[in-house]
C-alpha cells in the first residue's frame, strides 16, 4: 500500500490574493490601509505615522482596522490596489 502526499504552497488560513495593498473606504473617503509585509498584514489609519500592528491574515487585519475606527463607525469597503 502506498501513501500519496500532496504539497501546497498556500499558507494555512491564507486568503488567496495577488495584491499587497488594500485601502479602506468609508462614507467620507479613504480611512486606512492594509499592506502585506512578508507573511503578515500591517494596519494603519490614514493619520498614523506607523502601522498600528501586524496580523497573520487579511481577515484579521480587516477586523483590526474596523476596530481602530471606533464604536459607531460604518464598516469600510476594502479595495485591493
PDB file of N, CA and C in Angstrom:
ATOM      1  N   UNK A   1       0.836  -1.163   0.000  1.00  0.00           N
ATOM      2  CA  UNK A   1       0.000   0.000   0.000  1.00  0.00           C
ATOM      3  C   UNK A   1       0.888   1.236   0.000  1.00  0.00           C
ATOM      4  N   UNK A   2       0.632   2.142  -0.946  1.00  0.00           N
ATOM      5  CA  UNK A   2       1.419   3.370  -0.998  1.00  0.00           C
ATOM      6  C   UNK A   2       0.581   4.540  -0.513  1.00  0.00           C
ATOM      7  N   UNK A   3       1.256   5.491   0.091  1.00  0.00           N
ATOM      8  CA  UNK A   3       0.589   6.686   0.595  1.00  0.00           C
ATOM      9  C   UNK A   3       1.026   7.855  -0.260  1.00  0.00           C
ATOM     10  N   UNK A   4       0.067   8.588  -0.780  1.00  0.00           N
ATOM     11  CA  UNK A   4       0.376   9.740  -1.611  1.00  0.00           C
ATOM     12  C   UNK A   4       0.280  11.000  -0.761  1.00  0.00           C
ATOM     13  N   UNK A   5       1.331  11.799  -0.772  1.00  0.00           N
ATOM     14  CA  UNK A   5       1.353  13.061  -0.038  1.00  0.00           C
ATOM     15  C   UNK A   5       1.256  14.203  -1.025  1.00  0.00           C
ATOM     16  N   UNK A   6       0.326  15.118  -0.772  1.00  0.00           N
ATOM     17  CA  UNK A   6       0.201  16.293  -1.612  1.00  0.00           C
ATOM     18  C   UNK A   6       0.801  17.477  -0.873  1.00  0.00           C
ATOM     19  N   UNK A   7       1.447  18.337  -1.618  1.00  0.00           N
ATOM     20  CA  UNK A   7       2.011  19.537  -1.017  1.00  0.00           C
ATOM     21  C   UNK A   7       1.341  20.750  -1.625  1.00  0.00           C
ATOM     22  N   UNK A   8       1.342  21.822  -0.875  1.00  0.00           N
ATOM     23  CA  UNK A   8       0.777  23.076  -1.351  1.00  0.00           C
ATOM     24  C   UNK A   8       1.670  24.218  -0.910  1.00  0.00           C
ATOM     25  N   UNK A   9       1.643  25.292  -1.667  1.00  0.00           N
ATOM     26  CA  UNK A   9       2.443  26.460  -1.299  1.00  0.00           C
ATOM     27  C   UNK A   9       1.611  27.489  -0.559  1.00  0.00           C
ATOM     28  N   UNK A  10       0.301  27.240  -0.413  1.00  0.00           N
ATOM     29  CA  UNK A  10      -0.550  28.183   0.293  1.00  0.00           C
ATOM     30  C   UNK A  10      -0.340  28.081   1.795  1.00  0.00           C
ATOM     31  N   UNK A  11      -0.409  29.232   2.443  1.00  0.00           N
ATOM     32  CA  UNK A  11      -0.313  29.272   3.894  1.00  0.00           C
ATOM     33  C   UNK A  11      -1.647  28.860   4.489  1.00  0.00           C
ATOM     34  N   UNK A  12      -1.652  28.118   5.584  1.00  0.00           N
ATOM     35  CA  UNK A  12      -2.917  27.746   6.221  1.00  0.00           C
ATOM     36  C   UNK A  12      -3.703  28.995   6.608  1.00  0.00           C
ATOM     37  N   UNK A  13      -4.964  29.035   6.260  1.00  0.00           N
ATOM     38  CA  UNK A  13      -5.809  30.169   6.612  1.00  0.00           C
ATOM     39  C   UNK A  13      -5.588  31.404   5.765  1.00  0.00           C
ATOM     40  N   UNK A  14      -4.723  31.321   4.770  1.00  0.00           N
ATOM     41  CA  UNK A  14      -4.426  32.494   3.954  1.00  0.00           C
ATOM     42  C   UNK A  14      -5.547  32.758   2.966  1.00  0.00           C
ATOM     43  N   UNK A  15      -5.742  34.022   2.670  1.00  0.00           N
ATOM     44  CA  UNK A  15      -6.700  34.422   1.653  1.00  0.00           C
ATOM     45  C   UNK A  15      -5.930  34.525   0.346  1.00  0.00           C
ATOM     46  N   UNK A  16      -6.408  33.847  -0.683  1.00  0.00           N
ATOM     47  CA  UNK A  16      -5.727  33.911  -1.969  1.00  0.00           C
ATOM     48  C   UNK A  16      -5.821  35.327  -2.512  1.00  0.00           C
ATOM     49  N   UNK A  17      -4.701  35.929  -2.810  1.00  0.00           N
ATOM     50  CA  UNK A  17      -4.703  37.276  -3.352  1.00  0.00           C
ATOM     51  C   UNK A  17      -3.421  37.525  -4.136  1.00  0.00           C
ATOM     52  N   UNK A  18      -3.469  38.511  -4.984  1.00  0.00           N
ATOM     53  CA  UNK A  18      -2.290  38.917  -5.746  1.00  0.00           C
ATOM     54  C   UNK A  18      -1.945  40.360  -5.447  1.00  0.00           C
ATOM     55  N   UNK A  19      -2.432  40.891  -4.354  1.00  0.00           N
ATOM     56  CA  UNK A  19      -2.270  42.299  -4.047  1.00  0.00           C
ATOM     57  C   UNK A  19      -1.421  42.477  -2.796  1.00  0.00           C
ATOM     58  N   UNK A  20      -0.831  43.641  -2.673  1.00  0.00           N
ATOM     59  CA  UNK A  20      -0.056  43.945  -1.482  1.00  0.00           C
ATOM     60  C   UNK A  20      -0.590  45.140  -0.728  1.00  0.00           C
ATOM     61  N   UNK A  21      -1.660  45.780  -1.266  1.00  0.00           N
ATOM     62  CA  UNK A  21      -2.226  46.962  -0.620  1.00  0.00           C
ATOM     63  C   UNK A  21      -3.737  46.946  -0.757  1.00  0.00           C
ATOM     64  N   UNK A  22      -4.406  47.179   0.365  1.00  0.00           N
ATOM     65  CA  UNK A  22      -5.854  47.333   0.379  1.00  0.00           C
ATOM     66  C   UNK A  22      -6.144  48.667   1.033  1.00  0.00           C
ATOM     67  N   UNK A  23      -7.044  49.444   0.455  1.00  0.00           N
ATOM     68  CA  UNK A  23      -7.447  50.726   1.019  1.00  0.00           C
ATOM     69  C   UNK A  23      -8.869  50.576   1.540  1.00  0.00           C
ATOM     70  N   UNK A  24      -9.081  51.054   2.760  1.00  0.00           N
ATOM     71  CA  UNK A  24     -10.400  51.012   3.381  1.00  0.00           C
ATOM     72  C   UNK A  24     -11.101  52.336   3.121  1.00  0.00           C
ATOM     73  N   UNK A  25     -12.296  52.255   2.515  1.00  0.00           N
ATOM     74  CA  UNK A  25     -13.085  53.446   2.217  1.00  0.00           C
ATOM     75  C   UNK A  25     -14.346  53.453   3.061  1.00  0.00           C
ATOM     76  N   UNK A  26     -14.579  54.593   3.723  1.00  0.00           N
ATOM     77  CA  UNK A  26     -15.803  54.813   4.464  1.00  0.00           C
ATOM     78  C   UNK A  26     -16.654  55.837   3.731  1.00  0.00           C
ATOM     79  N   UNK A  27     -17.693  56.336   4.370  1.00  0.00           N
ATOM     80  CA  UNK A  27     -18.587  57.286   3.714  1.00  0.00           C
ATOM     81  C   UNK A  27     -17.915  58.610   3.346  1.00  0.00           C
ATOM     82  N   UNK A  28     -16.822  58.950   4.024  1.00  0.00           N
ATOM     83  CA  UNK A  28     -16.136  60.218   3.736  1.00  0.00           C
ATOM     84  C   UNK A  28     -14.884  60.033   2.881  1.00  0.00           C
ATOM     85  N   UNK A  29     -14.634  58.824   2.414  1.00  0.00           N
ATOM     86  CA  UNK A  29     -13.450  58.545   1.592  1.00  0.00           C
ATOM     87  C   UNK A  29     -12.524  57.560   2.281  1.00  0.00           C
ATOM     88  N   UNK A  30     -11.262  57.580   1.871  1.00  0.00           N
ATOM     89  CA  UNK A  30     -10.272  56.643   2.418  1.00  0.00           C
ATOM     90  C   UNK A  30     -10.062  56.913   3.901  1.00  0.00           C
ATOM     91  N   UNK A  31     -10.009  55.814   4.687  1.00  0.00           N
ATOM     92  CA  UNK A  31      -9.833  55.938   6.138  1.00  0.00           C
ATOM     93  C   UNK A  31      -8.620  55.167   6.654  1.00  0.00           C
ATOM     94  N   UNK A  32      -8.111  54.212   5.883  1.00  0.00           N
ATOM     95  CA  UNK A  32      -6.979  53.423   6.350  1.00  0.00           C
ATOM     96  C   UNK A  32      -6.456  52.493   5.277  1.00  0.00           C
ATOM     97  N   UNK A  33      -5.376  51.791   5.624  1.00  0.00           N
ATOM     98  CA  UNK A  33      -4.754  50.861   4.677  1.00  0.00           C
ATOM     99  C   UNK A  33      -4.345  49.573   5.371  1.00  0.00           C
ATOM    100  N   UNK A  34      -4.243  48.538   4.553  1.00  0.00           N
ATOM    101  CA  UNK A  34      -3.650  47.276   4.978  1.00  0.00           C
ATOM    102  C   UNK A  34      -2.586  46.944   3.944  1.00  0.00           C
ATOM    103  N   UNK A  35      -1.364  46.713   4.395  1.00  0.00           N
ATOM    104  CA  UNK A  35      -0.256  46.364   3.497  1.00  0.00           C
ATOM    105  C   UNK A  35       0.271  44.985   3.851  1.00  0.00           C
ATOM    106  N   UNK A  36       0.491  44.179   2.817  1.00  0.00           N
ATOM    107  CA  UNK A  36       1.106  42.875   3.052  1.00  0.00           C
ATOM    108  C   UNK A  36       2.602  43.098   3.193  1.00  0.00           C
ATOM    109  N   UNK A  37       3.142  42.607   4.296  1.00  0.00           N
ATOM    110  CA  UNK A  37       4.565  42.723   4.580  1.00  0.00           C
ATOM    111  C   UNK A  37       5.056  41.322   4.895  1.00  0.00           C
ATOM    112  N   UNK A  38       5.633  40.656   3.904  1.00  0.00           N
ATOM    113  CA  UNK A  38       6.043  39.269   4.079  1.00  0.00           C
ATOM    114  C   UNK A  38       4.827  38.397   4.289  1.00  0.00           C
ATOM    115  N   UNK A  39       4.774  37.696   5.405  1.00  0.00           N
ATOM    116  CA  UNK A  39       3.653  36.810   5.734  1.00  0.00           C
ATOM    117  C   UNK A  39       2.589  37.497   6.587  1.00  0.00           C
ATOM    118  N   UNK A  40       2.784  38.786   6.900  1.00  0.00           N
ATOM    119  CA  UNK A  40       1.863  39.496   7.786  1.00  0.00           C
ATOM    120  C   UNK A  40       1.166  40.631   7.037  1.00  0.00           C
ATOM    121  N   UNK A  41       0.161  41.208   7.693  1.00  0.00           N
ATOM    122  CA  UNK A  41      -0.625  42.302   7.131  1.00  0.00           C
ATOM    123  C   UNK A  41      -0.606  43.459   8.130  1.00  0.00           C
ATOM    124  N   UNK A  42      -0.019  44.592   7.733  1.00  0.00           N
ATOM    125  CA  UNK A  42       0.121  45.747   8.613  1.00  0.00           C
ATOM    126  C   UNK A  42      -1.049  46.705   8.418  1.00  0.00           C
ATOM    127  N   UNK A  43      -1.639  47.145   9.532  1.00  0.00           N
ATOM    128  CA  UNK A  43      -2.827  48.004   9.532  1.00  0.00           C
ATOM    129  C   UNK A  43      -2.448  49.408   9.966  1.00  0.00           C
ATOM    130  N   UNK A  44      -2.974  50.413   9.242  1.00  0.00           N
ATOM    131  CA  UNK A  44      -2.765  51.808   9.625  1.00  0.00           C
ATOM    132  C   UNK A  44      -3.977  52.632   9.221  1.00  0.00           C
ATOM    133  N   UNK A  45      -4.343  53.577  10.072  1.00  0.00           N
ATOM    134  CA  UNK A  45      -5.313  54.581   9.680  1.00  0.00           C
ATOM    135  C   UNK A  45      -4.547  55.666   8.930  1.00  0.00           C
ATOM    136  N   UNK A  46      -5.231  56.494   8.153  1.00  0.00           N
ATOM    137  CA  UNK A  46      -4.534  57.461   7.312  1.00  0.00           C
ATOM    138  C   UNK A  46      -3.677  58.439   8.091  1.00  0.00           C
ATOM    139  N   UNK A  47      -4.078  58.798   9.313  1.00  0.00           N
ATOM    140  CA  UNK A  47      -3.303  59.749  10.113  1.00  0.00           C
ATOM    141  C   UNK A  47      -2.152  59.113  10.885  1.00  0.00           C
ATOM    142  N   UNK A  48      -2.030  57.801  10.857  1.00  0.00           N
ATOM    143  CA  UNK A  48      -0.980  57.105  11.603  1.00  0.00           C
ATOM    144  C   UNK A  48       0.380  57.286  10.933  1.00  0.00           C
ATOM    145  N   UNK A  49       1.394  57.595  11.736  1.00  0.00           N
ATOM    146  CA  UNK A  49       2.760  57.685  11.217  1.00  0.00           C
ATOM    147  C   UNK A  49       3.354  56.289  11.010  1.00  0.00           C
ATOM    148  N   UNK A  50       2.950  55.347  11.838  1.00  0.00           N
ATOM    149  CA  UNK A  50       3.426  53.964  11.784  1.00  0.00           C
ATOM    150  C   UNK A  50       2.227  53.027  11.820  1.00  0.00           C
ATOM    151  N   UNK A  51       2.390  51.800  11.318  1.00  0.00           N
ATOM    152  CA  UNK A  51       1.292  50.834  11.422  1.00  0.00           C
ATOM    153  C   UNK A  51       0.909  50.585  12.879  1.00  0.00           C
ATOM    154  N   UNK A  52      -0.353  50.311  13.101  1.00  0.00           N
ATOM    155  CA  UNK A  52      -0.853  50.014  14.453  1.00  0.00           C
ATOM    156  C   UNK A  52      -0.501  48.609  14.890  1.00  0.00           C
ATOM    157  N   UNK A  53      -0.231  47.732  13.946  1.00  0.00           N
ATOM    158  CA  UNK A  53       0.102  46.358  14.269  1.00  0.00           C
ATOM    159  C   UNK A  53       0.112  45.500  13.028  1.00  0.00           C
ATOM    160  N   UNK A  54       0.641  44.295  13.160  1.00  0.00           N
ATOM    161  CA  UNK A  54       0.675  43.326  12.067  1.00  0.00           C
ATOM    162  C   UNK A  54      -0.141  42.110  12.471  1.00  0.00           C
ATOM    163  N   UNK A  55      -0.820  41.527  11.490  1.00  0.00           N
ATOM    164  CA  UNK A  55      -1.742  40.439  11.761  1.00  0.00           C
ATOM    165  C   UNK A  55      -1.472  39.280  10.819  1.00  0.00           C
ATOM    166  N   UNK A  56      -1.823  38.061  11.222  1.00  0.00           N
ATOM    167  CA  UNK A  56      -1.429  36.865  10.468  1.00  0.00           C
ATOM    168  C   UNK A  56      -2.156  36.648   9.142  1.00  0.00           C
ATOM    169  N   UNK A  57      -3.338  37.270   8.980  1.00  0.00           N
ATOM    170  CA  UNK A  57      -4.044  37.101   7.707  1.00  0.00           C
ATOM    171  C   UNK A  57      -4.896  38.324   7.430  1.00  0.00           C
ATOM    172  N   UNK A  58      -5.386  38.407   6.216  1.00  0.00           N
ATOM    173  CA  UNK A  58      -6.122  39.584   5.762  1.00  0.00           C
ATOM    174  C   UNK A  58      -7.421  39.788   6.536  1.00  0.00           C
ATOM    175  N   UNK A  59      -8.143  38.743   6.830  1.00  0.00           N
ATOM    176  CA  UNK A  59      -9.414  38.893   7.543  1.00  0.00           C
ATOM    177  C   UNK A  59      -9.208  39.449   8.951  1.00  0.00           C
ATOM    178  N   UNK A  60      -8.171  39.013   9.633  1.00  0.00           N
ATOM    179  CA  UNK A  60      -7.881  39.532  10.977  1.00  0.00           C
ATOM    180  C   UNK A  60      -7.454  40.992  10.876  1.00  0.00           C
ATOM    181  N   UNK A  61      -6.681  41.339   9.859  1.00  0.00           N
ATOM    182  CA  UNK A  61      -6.257  42.727   9.654  1.00  0.00           C
ATOM    183  C   UNK A  61      -7.460  43.629   9.383  1.00  0.00           C
ATOM    184  N   UNK A  62      -8.414  43.158   8.581  1.00  0.00           N
ATOM    185  CA  UNK A  62      -9.626  43.945   8.317  1.00  0.00           C
ATOM    186  C   UNK A  62     -10.388  44.193   9.609  1.00  0.00           C
ATOM    187  N   UNK A  63     -10.509  43.174  10.438  1.00  0.00           N
ATOM    188  CA  UNK A  63     -11.204  43.316  11.718  1.00  0.00           C
ATOM    189  C   UNK A  63     -10.482  44.323  12.611  1.00  0.00           C
ATOM    190  N   UNK A  64      -9.154  44.299  12.619  1.00  0.00           N
ATOM    191  CA  UNK A  64      -8.376  45.238  13.429  1.00  0.00           C
ATOM    192  C   UNK A  64      -8.580  46.667  12.941  1.00  0.00           C
ATOM    193  N   UNK A  65      -8.626  46.864  11.640  1.00  0.00           N
ATOM    194  CA  UNK A  65      -8.842  48.212  11.103  1.00  0.00           C
ATOM    195  C   UNK A  65     -10.243  48.709  11.463  1.00  0.00           C
ATOM    196  N   UNK A  66     -11.241  47.835  11.340  1.00  0.00           N
ATOM    197  CA  UNK A  66     -12.603  48.234  11.720  1.00  0.00           C
ATOM    198  C   UNK A  66     -12.650  48.630  13.197  1.00  0.00           C
ATOM    199  N   UNK A  67     -11.972  47.879  14.042  1.00  0.00           N
ATOM    200  CA  UNK A  67     -11.936  48.181  15.471  1.00  0.00           C
ATOM    201  C   UNK A  67     -11.246  49.518  15.720  1.00  0.00           C
ATOM    202  N   UNK A  68     -10.178  49.808  14.994  1.00  0.00           N
ATOM    203  CA  UNK A  68      -9.438  51.059  15.160  1.00  0.00           C
ATOM    204  C   UNK A  68     -10.285  52.280  14.799  1.00  0.00           C
ATOM    205  N   UNK A  69     -11.293  52.101  13.961  1.00  0.00           N
ATOM    206  CA  UNK A  69     -12.153  53.223  13.584  1.00  0.00           C
ATOM    207  C   UNK A  69     -13.048  53.668  14.734  1.00  0.00           C
ATOM    208  N   UNK A  70     -13.243  52.790  15.695  1.00  0.00           N
ATOM    209  CA  UNK A  70     -14.004  53.160  16.886  1.00  0.00           C
ATOM    210  C   UNK A  70     -15.470  52.786  16.810  1.00  0.00           C
ATOM    211  N   UNK A  71     -16.123  52.860  17.972  1.00  0.00           N
ATOM    212  CA  UNK A  71     -17.533  52.484  18.051  1.00  0.00           C
ATOM    213  C   UNK A  71     -18.396  53.421  17.209  1.00  0.00           C
ATOM    214  N   UNK A  72     -19.388  52.847  16.556  1.00  0.00           N
ATOM    215  CA  UNK A  72     -20.323  53.634  15.766  1.00  0.00           C
ATOM    216  C   UNK A  72     -19.867  53.951  14.347  1.00  0.00           C
ATOM    217  N   UNK A  73     -18.604  53.668  14.030  1.00  0.00           N
ATOM    218  CA  UNK A  73     -18.117  53.934  12.671  1.00  0.00           C
ATOM    219  C   UNK A  73     -18.721  52.926  11.703  1.00  0.00           C
ATOM    220  N   UNK A  74     -19.042  53.402  10.505  1.00  0.00           N
ATOM    221  CA  UNK A  74     -19.563  52.490   9.491  1.00  0.00           C
ATOM    222  C   UNK A  74     -18.460  51.546   9.033  1.00  0.00           C
ATOM    223  N   UNK A  75     -18.851  50.336   8.671  1.00  0.00           N
ATOM    224  CA  UNK A  75     -17.881  49.353   8.173  1.00  0.00           C
ATOM    225  C   UNK A  75     -17.320  49.838   6.844  1.00  0.00           C
ATOM    226  N   UNK A  76     -16.005  49.890   6.719  1.00  0.00           N
ATOM    227  CA  UNK A  76     -15.426  50.343   5.461  1.00  0.00           C
ATOM    228  C   UNK A  76     -15.489  49.260   4.377  1.00  0.00           C
ATOM    229  N   UNK A  77     -15.364  49.706   3.159  1.00  0.00           N
ATOM    230  CA  UNK A  77     -15.258  48.825   1.999  1.00  0.00           C
ATOM    231  C   UNK A  77     -13.771  48.705   1.679  1.00  0.00           C
ATOM    232  N   UNK A  78     -13.245  47.497   1.573  1.00  0.00           N
ATOM    233  CA  UNK A  78     -11.829  47.285   1.299  1.00  0.00           C
ATOM    234  C   UNK A  78     -11.627  47.027  -0.192  1.00  0.00           C
ATOM    235  N   UNK A  79     -10.733  47.812  -0.797  1.00  0.00           N
ATOM    236  CA  UNK A  79     -10.444  47.666  -2.220  1.00  0.00           C
ATOM    237  C   UNK A  79      -8.965  47.386  -2.423  1.00  0.00           C
ATOM    238  N   UNK A  80      -8.691  46.324  -3.165  1.00  0.00           N
ATOM    239  CA  UNK A  80      -7.297  45.961  -3.464  1.00  0.00           C
ATOM    240  C   UNK A  80      -6.722  46.923  -4.492  1.00  0.00           C
ATOM    241  N   UNK A  81      -5.460  47.267  -4.309  1.00  0.00           N
ATOM    242  CA  UNK A  81      -4.757  48.148  -5.247  1.00  0.00           C
ATOM    243  C   UNK A  81      -3.474  47.509  -5.686  1.00  0.00           C
TER     244      UNK A  81
END
